[in-house]
Amino acid sequence: MRGLLYILFTLFCSSTISAQAPPARGLTAALSRDISVTKIDGGPVVTYGAAVDRGSSIHRRWFVINDSSCPIALGDAGLTTPHYNSPSYQFDAQGTAAAVENVLAFEVLFPVFDLWGDHIRTLSLNQVQDLAPAGHPQPLGGSWFATENDVREYLTSVAYVDKVMTANGKIWRADRKLIAQKLAEVQIAVSESGLERDEAKEPKRP
């Protein structure tokens, strides 16, 4: 009789354990979060219409970061300095953004580094528009004032989505600590604070 009770108790415990709820979805997502870094040729450093880096064979480097948990995926995103636009220079955003769920707005940050790997500034691009998963990738549009020194020294840009507002009102935020760790793997040394947007010191160009 005692042996039979022991068998029944063991079977009951086994069925209870197997019926336990699976790990919370948020925890699972955090454990499976994957951040990729893609390197792209950003084109020559020469800025046309001005004698900036003329004769140089150096090409700029774009590093595009995508987070598997992010509602927005970036494609070939980076900064150009296409020409001298009197009376100033400018940075222009290039690339696309595609939604993997319904999105109302998002912010892309572009940390900029000089020839020696030192952080110059971080530019912020806010796009307020409805994006649906079935839609075509949308071009990133934005320009910023730049000094001649900015243009002359700029070699590397990083592009990553910092924040997203989804259609259900939730705010997704990037994990800057993980991004900094990933950038260190490609020999870009930047702190979490270096990944934050700069305070506006110069006017954005239309």
N, C-alpha and C. Protein backbone atom coordinates (compact mmCIF):
# COMPACT_ATOMS: atom_id res chain seq x y z
N MET A 1 0.84 -1.21 0.00
CA MET A 1 0.00 0.00 0.00
C MET A 1 0.87 1.25 0.00
N ARG A 2 1.90 1.26 0.86
CA ARG A 2 2.80 2.41 0.94
C ARG A 2 3.50 2.62 -0.41
N GLY A 3 3.88 1.51 -1.08
CA GLY A 3 4.54 1.62 -2.39
C GLY A 3 3.61 2.22 -3.43
N LEU A 4 2.34 1.85 -3.40
CA LEU A 4 1.37 2.38 -4.35
C LEU A 4 1.18 3.88 -4.15
N LEU A 5 1.10 4.32 -2.87
CA LEU A 5 0.95 5.74 -2.58
C LEU A 5 2.14 6.53 -3.08
N TYR A 6 3.34 5.97 -2.95
CA TYR A 6 4.57 6.63 -3.41
C TYR A 6 4.55 6.83 -4.93
N ILE A 7 4.08 5.78 -5.67
CA ILE A 7 4.00 5.86 -7.13
C ILE A 7 3.01 6.93 -7.55
N LEU A 8 1.83 6.96 -6.89
CA LEU A 8 0.82 7.95 -7.22
C LEU A 8 1.31 9.37 -6.95
N PHE A 9 2.05 9.56 -5.84
CA PHE A 9 2.58 10.88 -5.48
C PHE A 9 3.61 11.34 -6.51
N THR A 10 4.45 10.41 -6.99
CA THR A 10 5.47 10.74 -7.99
C THR A 10 4.84 11.17 -9.30
N LEU A 11 3.80 10.43 -9.72
CA LEU A 11 3.10 10.77 -10.95
C LEU A 11 2.43 12.14 -10.85
N PHE A 12 1.85 12.46 -9.71
CA PHE A 12 1.20 13.76 -9.50
C PHE A 12 2.21 14.90 -9.59
N CYS A 13 3.39 14.75 -8.98
CA CYS A 13 4.42 15.78 -9.01
C CYS A 13 4.93 16.01 -10.43
N SER A 14 5.11 14.92 -11.19
CA SER A 14 5.61 15.03 -12.55
C SER A 14 4.63 15.80 -13.42
N SER A 15 3.34 15.49 -13.29
CA SER A 15 2.34 16.18 -14.10
C SER A 15 2.24 17.65 -13.72
N THR A 16 2.46 17.97 -12.44
CA THR A 16 2.40 19.36 -11.99
C THR A 16 3.54 20.17 -12.58
N ILE A 17 4.75 19.59 -12.60
CA ILE A 17 5.92 20.28 -13.13
C ILE A 17 5.77 20.54 -14.61
N SER A 18 5.28 19.53 -15.36
CA SER A 18 5.15 19.69 -16.80
C SER A 18 4.08 20.68 -17.17
N ALA A 19 3.13 20.96 -16.26
CA ALA A 19 2.05 21.89 -16.55
C ALA A 19 2.38 23.32 -16.16
N GLN A 20 3.58 23.54 -15.62
CA GLN A 20 3.95 24.89 -15.23
C GLN A 20 3.98 25.80 -16.45
N ALA A 21 3.69 27.08 -16.23
CA ALA A 21 3.67 28.05 -17.33
C ALA A 21 5.07 28.24 -17.89
N PRO A 22 5.18 28.49 -19.19
CA PRO A 22 6.49 28.75 -19.80
C PRO A 22 7.04 30.09 -19.32
N PRO A 23 8.35 30.35 -19.53
CA PRO A 23 8.92 31.63 -19.11
C PRO A 23 8.16 32.80 -19.72
N ALA A 24 8.14 33.90 -18.98
CA ALA A 24 7.45 35.09 -19.47
C ALA A 24 8.01 35.52 -20.82
N ARG A 25 7.13 36.06 -21.66
CA ARG A 25 7.55 36.42 -23.02
C ARG A 25 8.65 37.47 -23.00
N GLY A 26 8.53 38.45 -22.08
CA GLY A 26 9.53 39.50 -22.00
C GLY A 26 10.89 38.95 -21.65
N LEU A 27 10.94 38.00 -20.74
CA LEU A 27 12.21 37.39 -20.35
C LEU A 27 12.80 36.62 -21.51
N THR A 28 11.95 35.87 -22.22
CA THR A 28 12.44 35.11 -23.37
C THR A 28 13.02 36.03 -24.42
N ALA A 29 12.31 37.15 -24.68
CA ALA A 29 12.78 38.11 -25.68
C ALA A 29 14.11 38.70 -25.28
N ALA A 30 14.27 38.98 -23.98
CA ALA A 30 15.52 39.57 -23.52
C ALA A 30 16.67 38.59 -23.70
N LEU A 31 16.41 37.30 -23.42
CA LEU A 31 17.46 36.30 -23.53
C LEU A 31 17.85 36.06 -24.99
N SER A 32 16.88 36.24 -25.93
CA SER A 32 17.15 35.95 -27.33
C SER A 32 17.51 37.21 -28.13
N ARG A 33 17.61 38.34 -27.46
CA ARG A 33 17.90 39.61 -28.13
C ARG A 33 19.24 39.53 -28.85
N ASP A 34 19.22 39.91 -30.13
CA ASP A 34 20.44 39.82 -30.93
C ASP A 34 20.69 41.17 -31.59
N ILE A 35 21.93 41.68 -31.47
CA ILE A 35 22.31 42.95 -32.07
C ILE A 35 23.36 42.69 -33.14
N SER A 36 23.06 43.11 -34.37
CA SER A 36 23.99 42.91 -35.47
C SER A 36 24.62 44.24 -35.87
N VAL A 37 25.86 44.16 -36.37
CA VAL A 37 26.58 45.34 -36.85
C VAL A 37 27.02 45.07 -38.28
N THR A 38 26.58 45.91 -39.21
CA THR A 38 26.93 45.77 -40.62
C THR A 38 27.82 46.92 -41.05
N LYS A 39 28.96 46.61 -41.67
CA LYS A 39 29.89 47.63 -42.15
C LYS A 39 29.63 47.90 -43.62
N ILE A 40 29.57 49.20 -44.00
CA ILE A 40 29.25 49.61 -45.36
C ILE A 40 30.25 50.68 -45.79
N ASP A 41 30.62 50.66 -47.07
CA ASP A 41 31.48 51.70 -47.63
C ASP A 41 30.66 52.98 -47.76
N GLY A 42 31.08 54.03 -47.06
CA GLY A 42 30.35 55.30 -47.06
C GLY A 42 30.79 56.27 -48.14
N GLY A 43 31.66 55.83 -49.06
CA GLY A 43 32.09 56.69 -50.15
C GLY A 43 33.28 57.55 -49.79
N PRO A 44 33.82 58.27 -50.76
CA PRO A 44 35.03 59.08 -50.55
C PRO A 44 34.81 60.18 -49.52
N VAL A 45 35.91 60.58 -48.87
CA VAL A 45 35.83 61.66 -47.89
C VAL A 45 35.78 63.04 -48.55
N VAL A 46 36.03 63.09 -49.85
CA VAL A 46 36.07 64.36 -50.57
C VAL A 46 34.70 65.03 -50.56
N THR A 47 34.67 66.32 -50.22
CA THR A 47 33.45 67.11 -50.29
C THR A 47 33.54 68.02 -51.50
N TYR A 48 32.67 67.85 -52.45
CA TYR A 48 32.75 68.58 -53.71
C TYR A 48 32.29 70.02 -53.54
N GLY A 49 32.89 70.89 -54.35
CA GLY A 49 32.57 72.30 -54.26
C GLY A 49 33.39 73.03 -53.22
N ALA A 50 34.29 72.29 -52.55
CA ALA A 50 35.16 72.90 -51.55
C ALA A 50 36.45 72.10 -51.50
N ALA A 51 37.51 72.75 -51.10
CA ALA A 51 38.82 72.08 -51.04
C ALA A 51 38.97 71.34 -49.71
N VAL A 52 38.10 70.37 -49.48
CA VAL A 52 38.14 69.58 -48.24
C VAL A 52 38.51 68.15 -48.59
N ASP A 53 39.66 67.72 -48.10
CA ASP A 53 40.17 66.36 -48.30
C ASP A 53 40.36 66.02 -49.78
N ARG A 54 40.53 67.04 -50.62
CA ARG A 54 40.72 66.80 -52.05
C ARG A 54 42.02 66.03 -52.27
N GLY A 55 41.97 65.02 -53.11
CA GLY A 55 43.15 64.21 -53.38
C GLY A 55 43.29 63.00 -52.47
N SER A 56 42.40 62.86 -51.48
CA SER A 56 42.47 61.72 -50.57
C SER A 56 41.78 60.50 -51.18
N SER A 57 42.36 59.32 -50.94
CA SER A 57 41.76 58.07 -51.42
C SER A 57 40.96 57.37 -50.32
N ILE A 58 40.88 57.97 -49.15
CA ILE A 58 40.19 57.35 -48.01
C ILE A 58 38.68 57.32 -48.26
N HIS A 59 38.07 56.21 -47.88
CA HIS A 59 36.61 56.09 -47.93
C HIS A 59 36.07 56.06 -46.50
N ARG A 60 34.93 56.67 -46.34
CA ARG A 60 34.28 56.67 -45.03
C ARG A 60 33.67 55.31 -44.72
N ARG A 61 33.41 55.09 -43.43
CA ARG A 61 32.85 53.82 -42.96
C ARG A 61 31.51 54.08 -42.29
N TRP A 62 30.53 53.31 -42.69
CA TRP A 62 29.24 53.33 -42.02
C TRP A 62 29.04 52.01 -41.29
N PHE A 63 28.62 52.09 -40.04
CA PHE A 63 28.26 50.90 -39.26
C PHE A 63 26.77 51.00 -38.91
N VAL A 64 26.00 50.05 -39.40
CA VAL A 64 24.55 50.03 -39.18
C VAL A 64 24.23 48.97 -38.13
N ILE A 65 23.53 49.38 -37.09
CA ILE A 65 23.19 48.48 -35.99
C ILE A 65 21.70 48.17 -36.04
N ASN A 66 21.37 46.88 -35.99
CA ASN A 66 19.98 46.45 -35.92
C ASN A 66 19.80 45.51 -34.74
N ASP A 67 18.73 45.75 -34.00
CA ASP A 67 18.38 44.96 -32.82
C ASP A 67 17.18 44.08 -33.19
N SER A 68 17.29 42.78 -32.93
CA SER A 68 16.21 41.86 -33.31
C SER A 68 14.90 42.15 -32.60
N SER A 69 14.95 42.87 -31.47
CA SER A 69 13.73 43.18 -30.73
C SER A 69 13.12 44.52 -31.15
N CYS A 70 13.78 45.23 -32.06
CA CYS A 70 13.33 46.57 -32.44
C CYS A 70 12.22 46.50 -33.50
N PRO A 71 11.19 47.35 -33.38
CA PRO A 71 10.11 47.37 -34.38
C PRO A 71 10.52 47.99 -35.72
N ILE A 72 11.75 48.55 -35.80
CA ILE A 72 12.24 49.16 -37.03
C ILE A 72 13.57 48.52 -37.40
N ALA A 73 13.76 48.23 -38.70
CA ALA A 73 15.03 47.71 -39.20
C ALA A 73 15.63 48.74 -40.16
N LEU A 74 16.90 49.06 -39.96
CA LEU A 74 17.59 50.02 -40.82
C LEU A 74 18.30 49.32 -41.97
N GLY A 75 18.35 50.00 -43.10
CA GLY A 75 19.09 49.47 -44.24
C GLY A 75 20.08 50.49 -44.77
N ASP A 76 21.37 50.13 -44.84
CA ASP A 76 22.43 50.95 -45.43
C ASP A 76 22.36 52.41 -44.99
N ALA A 77 22.29 52.65 -43.68
CA ALA A 77 22.13 54.00 -43.16
C ALA A 77 23.48 54.61 -42.80
N GLY A 78 23.63 55.89 -43.14
CA GLY A 78 24.86 56.59 -42.81
C GLY A 78 24.76 58.05 -43.16
N LEU A 79 25.87 58.78 -43.00
CA LEU A 79 25.91 60.21 -43.25
C LEU A 79 26.85 60.55 -44.40
N THR A 80 26.40 61.43 -45.27
CA THR A 80 27.25 61.93 -46.34
C THR A 80 27.48 63.44 -46.15
N THR A 81 28.53 63.95 -46.78
CA THR A 81 28.75 65.40 -46.88
C THR A 81 28.91 65.67 -48.37
N PRO A 82 27.83 65.64 -49.13
CA PRO A 82 27.91 65.57 -50.59
C PRO A 82 28.55 66.78 -51.26
N HIS A 83 28.33 67.97 -50.68
CA HIS A 83 28.86 69.15 -51.33
C HIS A 83 28.84 70.32 -50.35
N TYR A 84 29.55 71.36 -50.73
CA TYR A 84 29.53 72.60 -49.96
C TYR A 84 28.30 73.40 -50.35
N ASN A 85 27.44 73.67 -49.39
CA ASN A 85 26.19 74.39 -49.64
C ASN A 85 26.32 75.77 -49.00
N SER A 86 26.81 76.71 -49.79
CA SER A 86 27.10 78.06 -49.27
C SER A 86 25.91 78.63 -48.50
N PRO A 87 26.12 79.19 -47.30
CA PRO A 87 27.42 79.53 -46.71
C PRO A 87 27.95 78.50 -45.72
N SER A 88 27.50 77.26 -45.78
CA SER A 88 27.96 76.28 -44.78
C SER A 88 28.03 74.88 -45.38
N TYR A 89 28.57 73.97 -44.59
CA TYR A 89 28.60 72.55 -44.93
C TYR A 89 27.41 71.88 -44.25
N GLN A 90 27.18 70.60 -44.60
CA GLN A 90 26.09 69.88 -43.95
C GLN A 90 26.31 68.39 -43.99
N PHE A 91 25.68 67.71 -43.02
CA PHE A 91 25.57 66.26 -43.01
C PHE A 91 24.20 65.90 -43.57
N ASP A 92 24.15 64.90 -44.44
CA ASP A 92 22.88 64.40 -44.97
C ASP A 92 22.72 62.93 -44.58
N ALA A 93 21.52 62.58 -44.11
CA ALA A 93 21.22 61.19 -43.75
C ALA A 93 20.86 60.40 -45.00
N GLN A 94 21.38 59.19 -45.09
CA GLN A 94 21.05 58.27 -46.18
C GLN A 94 20.56 56.96 -45.57
N GLY A 95 19.87 56.15 -46.37
CA GLY A 95 19.42 54.84 -45.89
C GLY A 95 17.92 54.73 -45.84
N THR A 96 17.46 53.59 -45.34
CA THR A 96 16.02 53.32 -45.27
C THR A 96 15.65 52.74 -43.91
N ALA A 97 14.35 52.80 -43.63
CA ALA A 97 13.80 52.20 -42.41
C ALA A 97 12.58 51.38 -42.79
N ALA A 98 12.51 50.15 -42.30
CA ALA A 98 11.37 49.26 -42.56
C ALA A 98 10.76 48.82 -41.24
N ALA A 99 9.45 48.83 -41.16
CA ALA A 99 8.76 48.45 -39.92
C ALA A 99 8.51 46.94 -39.90
N VAL A 100 8.65 46.36 -38.72
CA VAL A 100 8.30 44.95 -38.54
C VAL A 100 7.01 44.81 -37.73
N GLU A 101 6.49 45.95 -37.27
CA GLU A 101 5.14 46.03 -36.71
C GLU A 101 4.66 47.46 -36.91
N ASN A 102 3.39 47.74 -36.64
CA ASN A 102 2.85 49.07 -36.89
C ASN A 102 3.51 50.11 -35.99
N VAL A 103 4.04 51.17 -36.62
CA VAL A 103 4.84 52.17 -35.93
C VAL A 103 4.29 53.55 -36.21
N LEU A 104 4.35 54.45 -35.20
CA LEU A 104 3.88 55.82 -35.35
C LEU A 104 5.03 56.82 -35.47
N ALA A 105 6.16 56.54 -34.82
CA ALA A 105 7.30 57.45 -34.84
C ALA A 105 8.54 56.70 -34.38
N PHE A 106 9.71 57.20 -34.79
CA PHE A 106 10.95 56.59 -34.33
C PHE A 106 12.09 57.61 -34.41
N GLU A 107 13.15 57.33 -33.66
CA GLU A 107 14.33 58.20 -33.63
C GLU A 107 15.56 57.38 -33.99
N VAL A 108 16.32 57.88 -34.96
CA VAL A 108 17.59 57.26 -35.34
C VAL A 108 18.71 58.19 -34.89
N LEU A 109 19.73 57.63 -34.24
CA LEU A 109 20.88 58.42 -33.81
C LEU A 109 22.09 58.06 -34.67
N PHE A 110 22.90 59.07 -34.97
CA PHE A 110 24.10 58.91 -35.78
C PHE A 110 25.32 59.42 -35.00
N PRO A 111 25.97 58.60 -34.19
CA PRO A 111 27.24 59.01 -33.60
C PRO A 111 28.30 59.14 -34.70
N VAL A 112 29.07 60.22 -34.66
CA VAL A 112 30.07 60.53 -35.68
C VAL A 112 31.45 60.52 -35.05
N PHE A 113 32.42 59.90 -35.76
CA PHE A 113 33.79 59.77 -35.25
C PHE A 113 34.78 60.32 -36.26
N ASP A 114 35.93 60.80 -35.73
CA ASP A 114 36.93 61.38 -36.62
C ASP A 114 37.91 60.32 -37.13
N LEU A 115 38.95 60.78 -37.80
CA LEU A 115 39.94 59.89 -38.41
C LEU A 115 40.63 58.98 -37.39
N TRP A 116 40.70 59.43 -36.15
CA TRP A 116 41.45 58.70 -35.12
C TRP A 116 40.53 57.91 -34.19
N GLY A 117 39.26 57.87 -34.52
CA GLY A 117 38.31 57.09 -33.73
C GLY A 117 37.72 57.84 -32.55
N ASP A 118 37.97 59.15 -32.47
CA ASP A 118 37.41 59.95 -31.37
C ASP A 118 36.01 60.43 -31.74
N HIS A 119 35.13 60.44 -30.75
CA HIS A 119 33.75 60.84 -30.97
C HIS A 119 33.67 62.35 -31.20
N ILE A 120 32.99 62.76 -32.28
CA ILE A 120 32.81 64.18 -32.59
C ILE A 120 31.48 64.68 -32.04
N ARG A 121 30.40 64.04 -32.44
CA ARG A 121 29.06 64.44 -32.02
C ARG A 121 28.08 63.32 -32.36
N THR A 122 26.85 63.43 -31.87
CA THR A 122 25.80 62.46 -32.19
C THR A 122 24.58 63.21 -32.69
N LEU A 123 24.20 62.93 -33.92
CA LEU A 123 23.07 63.61 -34.55
C LEU A 123 21.79 62.80 -34.36
N SER A 124 20.69 63.51 -34.21
CA SER A 124 19.39 62.87 -33.96
C SER A 124 18.43 63.13 -35.10
N LEU A 125 17.79 62.07 -35.58
CA LEU A 125 16.77 62.17 -36.63
C LEU A 125 15.47 61.59 -36.11
N ASN A 126 14.46 62.44 -35.93
CA ASN A 126 13.12 61.99 -35.53
C ASN A 126 12.22 61.96 -36.74
N GLN A 127 11.61 60.79 -37.01
CA GLN A 127 10.65 60.68 -38.10
C GLN A 127 9.29 60.31 -37.51
N VAL A 128 8.32 61.20 -37.73
CA VAL A 128 6.96 61.00 -37.23
C VAL A 128 6.09 60.64 -38.43
N GLN A 129 5.88 59.36 -38.61
CA GLN A 129 5.07 58.88 -39.73
C GLN A 129 4.59 57.46 -39.43
N ASP A 130 3.44 57.12 -39.98
CA ASP A 130 2.90 55.78 -39.80
C ASP A 130 3.61 54.81 -40.75
N LEU A 131 4.13 53.74 -40.19
CA LEU A 131 4.75 52.70 -40.99
C LEU A 131 4.09 51.36 -40.66
N ALA A 132 3.80 50.59 -41.70
CA ALA A 132 3.19 49.27 -41.53
C ALA A 132 4.17 48.20 -41.99
N PRO A 133 4.09 47.00 -41.41
CA PRO A 133 5.01 45.93 -41.79
C PRO A 133 4.97 45.57 -43.26
N ALA A 134 3.82 45.71 -43.90
CA ALA A 134 3.68 45.32 -45.30
C ALA A 134 4.16 46.42 -46.25
N GLY A 135 4.49 47.59 -45.71
CA GLY A 135 4.88 48.70 -46.56
C GLY A 135 6.31 48.60 -47.05
N HIS A 136 6.66 49.43 -48.03
CA HIS A 136 8.01 49.47 -48.55
C HIS A 136 8.92 50.20 -47.55
N PRO A 137 10.21 49.88 -47.53
CA PRO A 137 11.15 50.64 -46.68
C PRO A 137 11.10 52.12 -47.04
N GLN A 138 11.10 52.97 -46.02
CA GLN A 138 11.01 54.41 -46.23
C GLN A 138 12.39 55.06 -46.14
N PRO A 139 12.69 56.01 -47.02
CA PRO A 139 13.99 56.68 -46.96
C PRO A 139 14.12 57.54 -45.72
N LEU A 140 15.33 57.57 -45.17
CA LEU A 140 15.62 58.47 -44.07
C LEU A 140 15.93 59.84 -44.66
N GLY A 141 15.31 60.87 -44.13
CA GLY A 141 15.55 62.21 -44.64
C GLY A 141 15.94 63.14 -43.51
N GLY A 142 17.07 63.81 -43.66
CA GLY A 142 17.49 64.75 -42.63
C GLY A 142 18.82 65.38 -42.98
N SER A 143 18.99 66.66 -42.63
CA SER A 143 20.25 67.36 -42.85
C SER A 143 20.58 68.17 -41.61
N TRP A 144 21.87 68.31 -41.34
CA TRP A 144 22.34 69.06 -40.18
C TRP A 144 23.47 70.00 -40.57
N PHE A 145 23.51 71.11 -39.91
CA PHE A 145 24.60 72.05 -40.08
C PHE A 145 25.92 71.39 -39.68
N ALA A 146 26.98 71.68 -40.41
CA ALA A 146 28.30 71.14 -40.09
C ALA A 146 29.35 72.21 -40.33
N THR A 147 30.39 72.19 -39.53
CA THR A 147 31.51 73.09 -39.75
C THR A 147 32.49 72.45 -40.73
N GLU A 148 33.43 73.24 -41.22
CA GLU A 148 34.45 72.68 -42.11
C GLU A 148 35.28 71.63 -41.39
N ASN A 149 35.57 71.87 -40.11
CA ASN A 149 36.33 70.88 -39.34
C ASN A 149 35.56 69.58 -39.19
N ASP A 150 34.24 69.67 -38.96
CA ASP A 150 33.41 68.45 -38.88
C ASP A 150 33.58 67.61 -40.14
N VAL A 151 33.46 68.27 -41.29
CA VAL A 151 33.52 67.58 -42.58
C VAL A 151 34.92 67.05 -42.85
N ARG A 152 35.93 67.84 -42.52
CA ARG A 152 37.31 67.44 -42.79
C ARG A 152 37.72 66.22 -41.95
N GLU A 153 37.23 66.15 -40.72
CA GLU A 153 37.67 65.10 -39.79
C GLU A 153 36.78 63.87 -39.80
N TYR A 154 35.56 63.97 -40.31
CA TYR A 154 34.60 62.87 -40.24
C TYR A 154 35.05 61.68 -41.09
N LEU A 155 35.16 60.52 -40.42
CA LEU A 155 35.50 59.27 -41.12
C LEU A 155 34.44 58.19 -40.93
N THR A 156 33.90 58.08 -39.72
CA THR A 156 33.03 56.95 -39.38
C THR A 156 31.71 57.45 -38.81
N SER A 157 30.60 56.85 -39.27
CA SER A 157 29.31 57.11 -38.63
C SER A 157 28.68 55.78 -38.23
N VAL A 158 27.93 55.84 -37.15
CA VAL A 158 27.15 54.70 -36.68
C VAL A 158 25.68 55.09 -36.76
N ALA A 159 24.83 54.18 -37.19
CA ALA A 159 23.39 54.45 -37.25
C ALA A 159 22.66 53.37 -36.45
N TYR A 160 21.80 53.82 -35.52
CA TYR A 160 20.99 52.86 -34.78
C TYR A 160 19.68 53.50 -34.36
N VAL A 161 18.65 52.68 -34.20
CA VAL A 161 17.35 53.15 -33.74
C VAL A 161 17.39 53.25 -32.22
N ASP A 162 17.11 54.45 -31.71
CA ASP A 162 17.18 54.66 -30.26
C ASP A 162 15.82 54.48 -29.60
N LYS A 163 14.76 54.97 -30.26
CA LYS A 163 13.42 54.87 -29.68
C LYS A 163 12.39 54.65 -30.78
N VAL A 164 11.33 53.93 -30.44
CA VAL A 164 10.22 53.70 -31.37
C VAL A 164 8.91 53.80 -30.60
N MET A 165 7.93 54.50 -31.19
CA MET A 165 6.56 54.50 -30.65
C MET A 165 5.71 53.61 -31.54
N THR A 166 5.18 52.55 -30.97
CA THR A 166 4.36 51.62 -31.74
C THR A 166 2.90 52.07 -31.75
N ALA A 167 2.11 51.45 -32.61
CA ALA A 167 0.71 51.85 -32.78
C ALA A 167 -0.12 51.60 -31.52
N ASN A 168 0.32 50.68 -30.67
CA ASN A 168 -0.42 50.44 -29.43
C ASN A 168 0.03 51.34 -28.29
N GLY A 169 0.88 52.33 -28.61
CA GLY A 169 1.27 53.33 -27.61
C GLY A 169 2.51 52.98 -26.80
N LYS A 170 3.10 51.83 -27.04
CA LYS A 170 4.28 51.44 -26.28
C LYS A 170 5.53 52.11 -26.85
N ILE A 171 6.51 52.36 -25.98
CA ILE A 171 7.77 52.96 -26.38
C ILE A 171 8.88 51.91 -26.26
N TRP A 172 9.51 51.60 -27.38
CA TRP A 172 10.67 50.70 -27.39
C TRP A 172 11.93 51.56 -27.28
N ARG A 173 12.92 51.11 -26.48
CA ARG A 173 14.16 51.85 -26.31
C ARG A 173 15.36 50.93 -26.55
N ALA A 174 16.39 51.48 -27.14
CA ALA A 174 17.60 50.71 -27.41
C ALA A 174 18.37 50.43 -26.12
N ASP A 175 19.14 49.36 -26.14
CA ASP A 175 20.04 49.03 -25.04
C ASP A 175 21.42 49.56 -25.41
N ARG A 176 21.75 50.76 -24.95
CA ARG A 176 23.00 51.40 -25.35
C ARG A 176 24.22 50.66 -24.81
N LYS A 177 24.07 50.00 -23.69
CA LYS A 177 25.20 49.24 -23.15
C LYS A 177 25.59 48.11 -24.10
N LEU A 178 24.59 47.38 -24.61
CA LEU A 178 24.87 46.30 -25.56
C LEU A 178 25.44 46.85 -26.87
N ILE A 179 24.93 48.00 -27.29
CA ILE A 179 25.44 48.61 -28.53
C ILE A 179 26.90 48.99 -28.37
N ALA A 180 27.25 49.60 -27.25
CA ALA A 180 28.65 49.98 -27.00
C ALA A 180 29.55 48.75 -27.00
N GLN A 181 29.06 47.64 -26.45
CA GLN A 181 29.84 46.40 -26.43
C GLN A 181 30.05 45.87 -27.84
N LYS A 182 29.00 45.93 -28.66
CA LYS A 182 29.12 45.46 -30.04
C LYS A 182 30.09 46.32 -30.84
N LEU A 183 30.04 47.62 -30.64
CA LEU A 183 30.94 48.52 -31.36
C LEU A 183 32.39 48.29 -30.95
N ALA A 184 32.61 47.93 -29.70
CA ALA A 184 33.97 47.64 -29.25
C ALA A 184 34.56 46.46 -30.03
N GLU A 185 33.69 45.53 -30.46
CA GLU A 185 34.16 44.37 -31.21
C GLU A 185 34.69 44.77 -32.60
N VAL A 186 34.25 45.92 -33.11
CA VAL A 186 34.75 46.40 -34.41
C VAL A 186 35.68 47.60 -34.20
N GLN A 187 36.23 47.68 -32.99
CA GLN A 187 37.25 48.67 -32.62
C GLN A 187 36.74 50.10 -32.69
N ILE A 188 35.50 50.30 -32.28
CA ILE A 188 34.96 51.65 -32.08
C ILE A 188 34.71 51.80 -30.59
N ALA A 189 35.52 52.64 -29.96
CA ALA A 189 35.41 52.83 -28.52
C ALA A 189 34.48 54.00 -28.24
N VAL A 190 33.34 53.71 -27.63
CA VAL A 190 32.38 54.76 -27.30
C VAL A 190 31.66 54.37 -26.03
N SER A 191 31.42 55.34 -25.17
CA SER A 191 30.69 55.08 -23.93
C SER A 191 29.19 55.16 -24.20
N GLU A 192 28.40 54.74 -23.22
CA GLU A 192 26.95 54.85 -23.37
C GLU A 192 26.53 56.31 -23.55
N SER A 193 27.20 57.22 -22.83
CA SER A 193 26.86 58.64 -22.95
C SER A 193 27.20 59.18 -24.35
N GLY A 194 28.23 58.59 -24.99
CA GLY A 194 28.58 59.00 -26.35
C GLY A 194 27.56 58.58 -27.37
N LEU A 195 26.68 57.66 -27.00
CA LEU A 195 25.61 57.21 -27.90
C LEU A 195 24.34 58.03 -27.75
N GLU A 196 24.34 58.96 -26.80
CA GLU A 196 23.16 59.80 -26.59
C GLU A 196 23.15 60.97 -27.57
N ARG A 197 21.99 61.48 -27.86
CA ARG A 197 21.86 62.63 -28.76
C ARG A 197 22.51 63.85 -28.14
N ASP A 198 23.10 64.71 -28.97
CA ASP A 198 23.69 65.96 -28.51
C ASP A 198 22.60 66.98 -28.25
N GLU A 199 22.91 67.89 -27.34
CA GLU A 199 22.04 69.05 -27.22
C GLU A 199 22.19 69.90 -28.47
N ALA A 200 21.11 70.46 -28.94
CA ALA A 200 21.16 71.25 -30.18
C ALA A 200 21.97 72.52 -29.96
N LYS A 201 23.11 72.60 -30.65
CA LYS A 201 23.97 73.78 -30.56
C LYS A 201 24.00 74.56 -31.85
N GLU A 202 23.69 73.88 -32.94
CA GLU A 202 23.64 74.54 -34.24
C GLU A 202 22.28 74.28 -34.86
N PRO A 203 21.83 75.16 -35.72
CA PRO A 203 20.50 74.97 -36.33
C PRO A 203 20.50 73.83 -37.32
N LYS A 204 19.41 73.08 -37.34
CA LYS A 204 19.23 72.08 -38.40
C LYS A 204 18.91 72.81 -39.70
N ARG A 205 19.43 72.27 -40.77
CA ARG A 205 19.12 72.85 -42.07
C ARG A 205 17.83 72.23 -42.60
N PRO A 206 17.02 73.00 -43.34
CA PRO A 206 15.78 72.44 -43.87
C PRO A 206 16.06 71.36 -44.90
